[in-house]
Amino acid sequence: MMMSEYEIKKQICDIGKRIYDRRMVAANDGNISVKISDNEFLCTPTGVSKGFMTPEYICKVDAEGNVIQANKGFKPSSEIKMHMRVYKHRPDVKSVVHAHPIYATSFAIAGKPLTQPIMPEAVIALGCVPIAEYGTPSTNEIPDAVEKYLPYYDAVLLENHGALAYSDSLLAAYHKMESLEFYAELLFLSNQLGGPQEFTKEQMKKLYEVRRAFGMSGKHPADLCPNNKNGHMSCHNCHIPDCGVAEDGNGADSDLVAMITKKVMEQLNK
């Protein structure tokens, strides 16, 4: 049964509280949106703590980010342009969550993408998480930086800023953000212990097969990585943050394949 608009607003508030309680945002940081029709989106307002929202806080905008409805004193998040860019290029996406989780954001600040295969759940559900180049908040710079990653990944780090996750429901988008932060924390801590043990090529192949058997939605290197399609190591192993980015969306062009092959050989020869 479809949720009413009011019920979706309540769910946005509930997820906002979870994000706040889990220290994924501070003060008024972060934003959430949900697509309710082709030209209607509910979103969190600017300038309020995501941990203390009630349904009347939530705004409604169109596909251009223009206000359709907002109660007095509330206006849409200044980051709504970023959300709209995701919806434009990913018609399968129904919700977008932006937050500043501590460990994931630390990797974004350090310029380190999350590509190391260290945990089955992260490999199967999340895939690789690249870093979108820095952009000034509330401008088109961040949407422009994020856009090229959208056909290939279900979450991205925002350089010196935070993280972005999106999926076919609000709960799924939130779970991706939660998984992203958990993965980043484990990677950080394992590095303190001398460095993580990464999965082998054969182990990765089996994990990708598990994902395909589950028929999971979204974008993932198990389905898209040109190396994986050719029976070689995936981006999880070669650590190329944008190895899936190609001109035609159906795999890599010849120059990209050559670059990937070179990078993989460098990794293998270390």
Protein backbone atom coordinates (compact mmCIF):
# COMPACT_ATOMS: atom_id res chain seq x y z
CA MET A 1 0.00 0.00 0.00
CA MET A 2 1.32 3.44 -0.96
CA MET A 3 2.23 5.81 1.84
CA SER A 4 0.36 9.11 2.11
CA GLU A 5 2.26 12.34 1.71
CA TYR A 6 1.94 12.98 5.44
CA GLU A 7 3.34 9.53 6.23
CA ILE A 8 6.33 10.18 3.95
CA LYS A 9 6.94 13.48 5.76
CA LYS A 10 6.89 11.63 9.06
CA GLN A 11 9.38 9.09 7.71
CA ILE A 12 11.69 11.90 6.58
CA CYS A 13 11.59 13.28 10.12
CA ASP A 14 12.30 9.84 11.59
CA ILE A 15 15.30 9.32 9.29
CA GLY A 16 16.51 12.83 10.04
CA LYS A 17 16.49 11.98 13.76
CA ARG A 18 18.40 8.75 13.10
CA ILE A 19 21.04 10.65 11.13
CA TYR A 20 21.34 13.24 13.88
CA ASP A 21 21.41 10.69 16.72
CA ARG A 22 24.12 8.68 14.96
CA ARG A 23 26.30 11.83 14.68
CA MET A 24 26.16 11.82 10.91
CA VAL A 25 25.33 15.52 11.03
CA ALA A 26 25.91 18.42 13.42
CA ALA A 27 23.72 21.46 14.02
CA ASN A 28 21.75 22.14 10.80
CA ASP A 29 23.87 19.98 8.46
CA GLY A 30 22.55 17.45 5.96
CA ASN A 31 19.42 17.11 3.86
CA ILE A 32 16.93 14.48 2.71
CA SER A 33 14.53 14.28 -0.22
CA VAL A 34 11.93 11.85 -1.54
CA LYS A 35 10.42 11.68 -5.02
CA ILE A 36 6.62 11.36 -4.86
CA SER A 37 5.84 11.94 -8.58
CA ASP A 38 7.72 12.93 -11.75
CA ASN A 39 7.49 16.60 -10.80
CA GLU A 40 6.96 16.53 -7.01
CA PHE A 41 9.59 16.04 -4.36
CA LEU A 42 9.47 16.37 -0.57
CA CYS A 43 12.62 17.74 1.06
CA THR A 44 14.02 18.97 4.34
CA PRO A 45 14.22 22.73 4.89
CA THR A 46 17.34 24.81 5.22
CA GLY A 47 18.56 26.08 8.57
CA VAL A 48 17.01 23.48 10.87
CA SER A 49 18.46 20.53 12.78
CA LYS A 50 17.53 17.25 11.14
CA GLY A 51 17.14 15.75 14.62
CA PHE A 52 14.23 17.97 15.65
CA MET A 53 11.93 18.10 12.64
CA THR A 54 8.18 17.53 12.54
CA PRO A 55 6.09 16.97 9.37
CA GLU A 56 5.13 20.63 8.98
CA TYR A 57 8.82 21.45 8.44
CA ILE A 58 8.96 19.48 5.18
CA CYS A 59 8.79 21.41 1.88
CA LYS A 60 7.56 20.35 -1.55
CA VAL A 61 9.43 21.33 -4.73
CA ASP A 62 9.24 20.60 -8.45
CA ALA A 63 11.92 18.96 -10.63
CA GLU A 64 13.69 22.32 -10.97
CA GLY A 65 13.80 22.83 -7.22
CA ASN A 66 11.12 25.53 -7.26
CA VAL A 67 8.84 25.66 -4.21
CA ILE A 68 5.39 24.12 -4.66
CA GLN A 69 4.48 24.26 -0.96
CA ALA A 70 6.29 25.34 2.19
CA ASN A 71 4.93 26.51 5.52
CA LYS A 72 5.80 29.98 6.75
CA GLY A 73 9.39 30.22 7.98
CA PHE A 74 10.60 27.23 5.97
CA LYS A 75 12.29 27.01 2.58
CA PRO A 76 13.96 24.07 0.80
CA SER A 77 17.54 23.06 1.50
CA SER A 78 20.10 25.10 -0.41
CA GLU A 79 21.54 21.76 -1.60
CA ILE A 80 18.35 20.80 -3.47
CA LYS A 81 20.20 21.27 -6.80
CA MET A 82 22.38 18.28 -5.92
CA HIS A 83 19.34 16.11 -5.20
CA MET A 84 17.61 17.14 -8.44
CA ARG A 85 20.69 16.25 -10.47
CA VAL A 86 20.58 12.73 -9.02
CA TYR A 87 16.90 12.31 -9.88
CA LYS A 88 17.48 13.63 -13.41
CA HIS A 89 20.20 11.11 -14.22
CA ARG A 90 18.93 8.16 -12.17
CA PRO A 91 15.23 7.56 -12.89
CA ASP A 92 15.38 4.49 -10.62
CA VAL A 93 16.15 6.67 -7.59
CA LYS A 94 13.29 7.64 -5.28
CA SER A 95 15.25 9.17 -2.38
CA VAL A 96 18.50 11.03 -1.74
CA VAL A 97 20.29 11.42 1.60
CA HIS A 98 23.19 13.84 2.18
CA ALA A 99 25.08 13.83 5.47
CA HIS A 100 28.51 14.43 7.03
CA PRO A 101 29.28 11.09 8.72
CA ILE A 102 32.56 11.43 10.62
CA TYR A 103 34.62 8.57 9.21
CA ALA A 104 33.35 8.73 5.63
CA THR A 105 33.80 12.50 5.58
CA SER A 106 37.32 12.07 6.94
CA PHE A 107 38.13 9.89 3.93
CA ALA A 108 36.61 12.56 1.68
CA ILE A 109 38.78 15.22 3.34
CA ALA A 110 41.87 13.04 3.00
CA GLY A 111 41.10 12.42 -0.67
CA LYS A 112 40.79 8.64 -0.25
CA PRO A 113 37.94 6.84 -2.05
CA LEU A 114 36.36 3.81 -0.41
CA THR A 115 37.33 1.00 -2.79
CA GLN A 116 39.16 -1.56 -0.67
CA PRO A 117 37.26 -4.88 -0.46
CA ILE A 118 37.33 -5.73 3.23
CA MET A 119 33.83 -6.92 4.18
CA PRO A 120 31.30 -9.07 2.31
CA GLU A 121 28.30 -6.85 3.10
CA ALA A 122 30.01 -3.70 1.84
CA VAL A 123 31.22 -5.38 -1.34
CA ILE A 124 27.83 -6.92 -2.13
CA ALA A 125 25.52 -4.05 -1.19
CA LEU A 126 27.56 -0.87 -1.54
CA GLY A 127 30.25 -1.47 -4.13
CA CYS A 128 32.92 1.16 -4.66
CA VAL A 129 32.49 4.72 -3.41
CA PRO A 130 34.43 7.34 -5.41
CA ILE A 131 35.14 10.97 -4.50
CA ALA A 132 33.40 13.74 -6.43
CA GLU A 133 35.62 16.79 -6.83
CA TYR A 134 35.10 19.71 -4.45
CA GLY A 135 32.37 22.22 -5.20
CA THR A 136 31.00 25.25 -3.39
CA PRO A 137 27.85 24.30 -1.43
CA SER A 138 24.49 25.57 -2.79
CA THR A 139 25.97 26.19 -6.28
CA ASN A 140 25.91 23.99 -9.39
CA GLU A 141 29.53 23.03 -8.77
CA ILE A 142 28.63 20.02 -6.59
CA PRO A 143 25.89 18.69 -8.92
CA ASP A 144 28.31 19.05 -11.84
CA ALA A 145 31.01 17.14 -9.95
CA VAL A 146 28.61 14.39 -8.86
CA GLU A 147 26.92 13.93 -12.24
CA LYS A 148 29.60 11.85 -13.96
CA TYR A 149 29.53 9.26 -11.16
CA LEU A 150 25.76 8.80 -11.07
CA PRO A 151 25.47 6.13 -13.81
CA TYR A 152 28.01 3.90 -12.08
CA TYR A 153 27.70 4.24 -8.29
CA ASP A 154 24.99 4.33 -5.61
CA ALA A 155 26.97 6.51 -3.21
CA VAL A 156 29.72 9.10 -3.54
CA LEU A 157 31.98 10.99 -1.19
CA LEU A 158 32.03 14.77 -1.65
CA GLU A 159 35.57 16.08 -1.42
CA ASN A 160 36.09 18.11 1.78
CA HIS A 161 32.34 18.06 2.39
CA GLY A 162 30.51 14.82 3.18
CA ALA A 163 28.70 11.94 1.53
CA LEU A 164 25.72 11.33 -0.74
CA ALA A 165 23.64 8.14 -0.97
CA TYR A 166 20.56 7.42 -3.08
CA SER A 167 18.29 4.47 -3.77
CA ASP A 168 14.78 3.31 -4.67
CA SER A 169 13.32 4.18 -1.25
CA LEU A 170 14.12 6.50 1.64
CA LEU A 171 14.95 3.61 3.95
CA ALA A 172 17.27 2.06 1.36
CA ALA A 173 19.05 5.39 0.77
CA TYR A 174 19.51 5.83 4.53
CA HIS A 175 20.81 2.27 4.86
CA LYS A 176 23.40 3.00 2.16
CA MET A 177 24.56 6.02 4.14
CA GLU A 178 24.73 3.97 7.34
CA SER A 179 26.63 1.16 5.56
CA LEU A 180 28.99 3.68 4.01
CA GLU A 181 29.90 5.13 7.39
CA PHE A 182 30.30 1.70 9.00
CA TYR A 183 32.58 0.59 6.15
CA ALA A 184 34.66 3.78 6.47
CA GLU A 185 35.03 3.32 10.22
CA LEU A 186 36.16 -0.30 9.81
CA LEU A 187 38.63 0.69 7.12
CA PHE A 188 40.03 3.46 9.30
CA LEU A 189 40.41 1.21 12.34
CA SER A 190 41.92 -1.68 10.39
CA ASN A 191 44.49 0.71 8.98
CA GLN A 192 45.48 1.53 12.57
CA LEU A 193 46.12 -2.18 13.10
CA GLY A 194 48.57 -2.46 10.24
CA GLY A 195 46.25 -2.43 7.24
CA PRO A 196 43.27 -4.54 6.20
CA GLN A 197 43.46 -7.93 4.52
CA GLU A 198 41.68 -7.48 1.21
CA PHE A 199 39.66 -10.14 -0.58
CA THR A 200 41.36 -12.03 -3.39
CA LYS A 201 40.22 -11.92 -7.00
CA GLU A 202 38.52 -15.30 -6.55
CA GLN A 203 36.76 -14.20 -3.36
CA MET A 204 35.57 -11.04 -5.12
CA LYS A 205 34.20 -13.07 -8.01
CA LYS A 206 32.11 -15.15 -5.59
CA LEU A 207 30.78 -12.06 -3.80
CA TYR A 208 29.78 -10.50 -7.11
CA GLU A 209 27.99 -13.73 -8.02
CA VAL A 210 26.09 -13.53 -4.72
CA ARG A 211 24.97 -10.00 -5.54
CA ARG A 212 23.79 -10.99 -9.00
CA ALA A 213 21.93 -13.99 -7.54
CA PHE A 214 20.09 -11.64 -5.17
CA GLY A 215 18.97 -9.54 -8.14
CA MET A 216 19.81 -6.35 -6.24
CA SER A 217 18.83 -2.99 -7.74
CA GLY A 218 21.12 -0.03 -8.30
CA LYS A 219 24.53 0.41 -9.91
CA HIS A 220 27.47 -1.77 -8.92
CA PRO A 221 30.86 -2.89 -10.31
CA ALA A 222 29.55 -6.47 -10.40
CA ASP A 223 27.34 -5.34 -13.28
CA LEU A 224 29.19 -2.36 -14.72
CA CYS A 225 32.95 -2.63 -14.17
CA PRO A 226 34.61 -3.18 -17.59
CA ASN A 227 37.41 -5.14 -15.93
CA ASN A 228 34.98 -7.48 -14.19
CA LYS A 229 33.08 -8.05 -17.44
CA ASN A 230 36.34 -9.11 -19.07
CA GLY A 231 37.22 -11.49 -16.26
CA HIS A 232 39.87 -9.24 -14.72
CA MET A 233 40.17 -7.56 -11.32
CA SER A 234 37.45 -5.07 -10.51
CA CYS A 235 37.79 -1.50 -9.26
CA HIS A 236 37.62 -2.95 -5.77
CA ASN A 237 41.06 -4.42 -6.41
CA CYS A 238 42.70 -1.89 -8.69
CA HIS A 239 41.61 1.10 -6.56
CA ILE A 240 40.75 3.32 -9.51
CA PRO A 241 38.02 5.59 -8.12
CA ASP A 242 36.38 6.37 -11.47
CA CYS A 243 37.16 3.22 -13.46
CA GLY A 244 33.52 2.77 -14.42
CA VAL A 245 33.11 6.22 -15.93
CA ALA A 246 32.74 5.85 -19.69
CA GLU A 247 31.28 7.89 -22.53
CA ASP A 248 28.55 5.49 -23.62
CA GLY A 249 27.38 4.07 -20.29
CA ASN A 250 27.81 0.52 -21.60
CA GLY A 251 31.37 -0.11 -20.55
CA ALA A 252 34.74 1.52 -21.11
CA ASP A 253 36.06 2.88 -24.38
CA SER A 254 39.40 1.63 -25.67
CA ASP A 255 41.46 4.40 -24.05
CA LEU A 256 39.82 3.79 -20.69
CA VAL A 257 40.33 0.04 -20.93
CA ALA A 258 44.01 0.62 -21.74
CA MET A 259 44.37 2.94 -18.74
CA ILE A 260 42.65 0.45 -16.44
CA THR A 261 44.81 -2.40 -17.70
CA LYS A 262 47.95 -0.36 -17.02
CA LYS A 263 46.79 0.47 -13.49
CA VAL A 264 45.89 -3.14 -12.77
CA MET A 265 49.29 -4.36 -13.98
CA GLU A 266 50.99 -1.79 -11.75
CA GLN A 267 49.04 -3.15 -8.76
CA LEU A 268 49.87 -6.74 -9.66
CA ASN A 269 53.57 -5.99 -10.04
CA LYS A 270 53.96 -4.24 -6.68
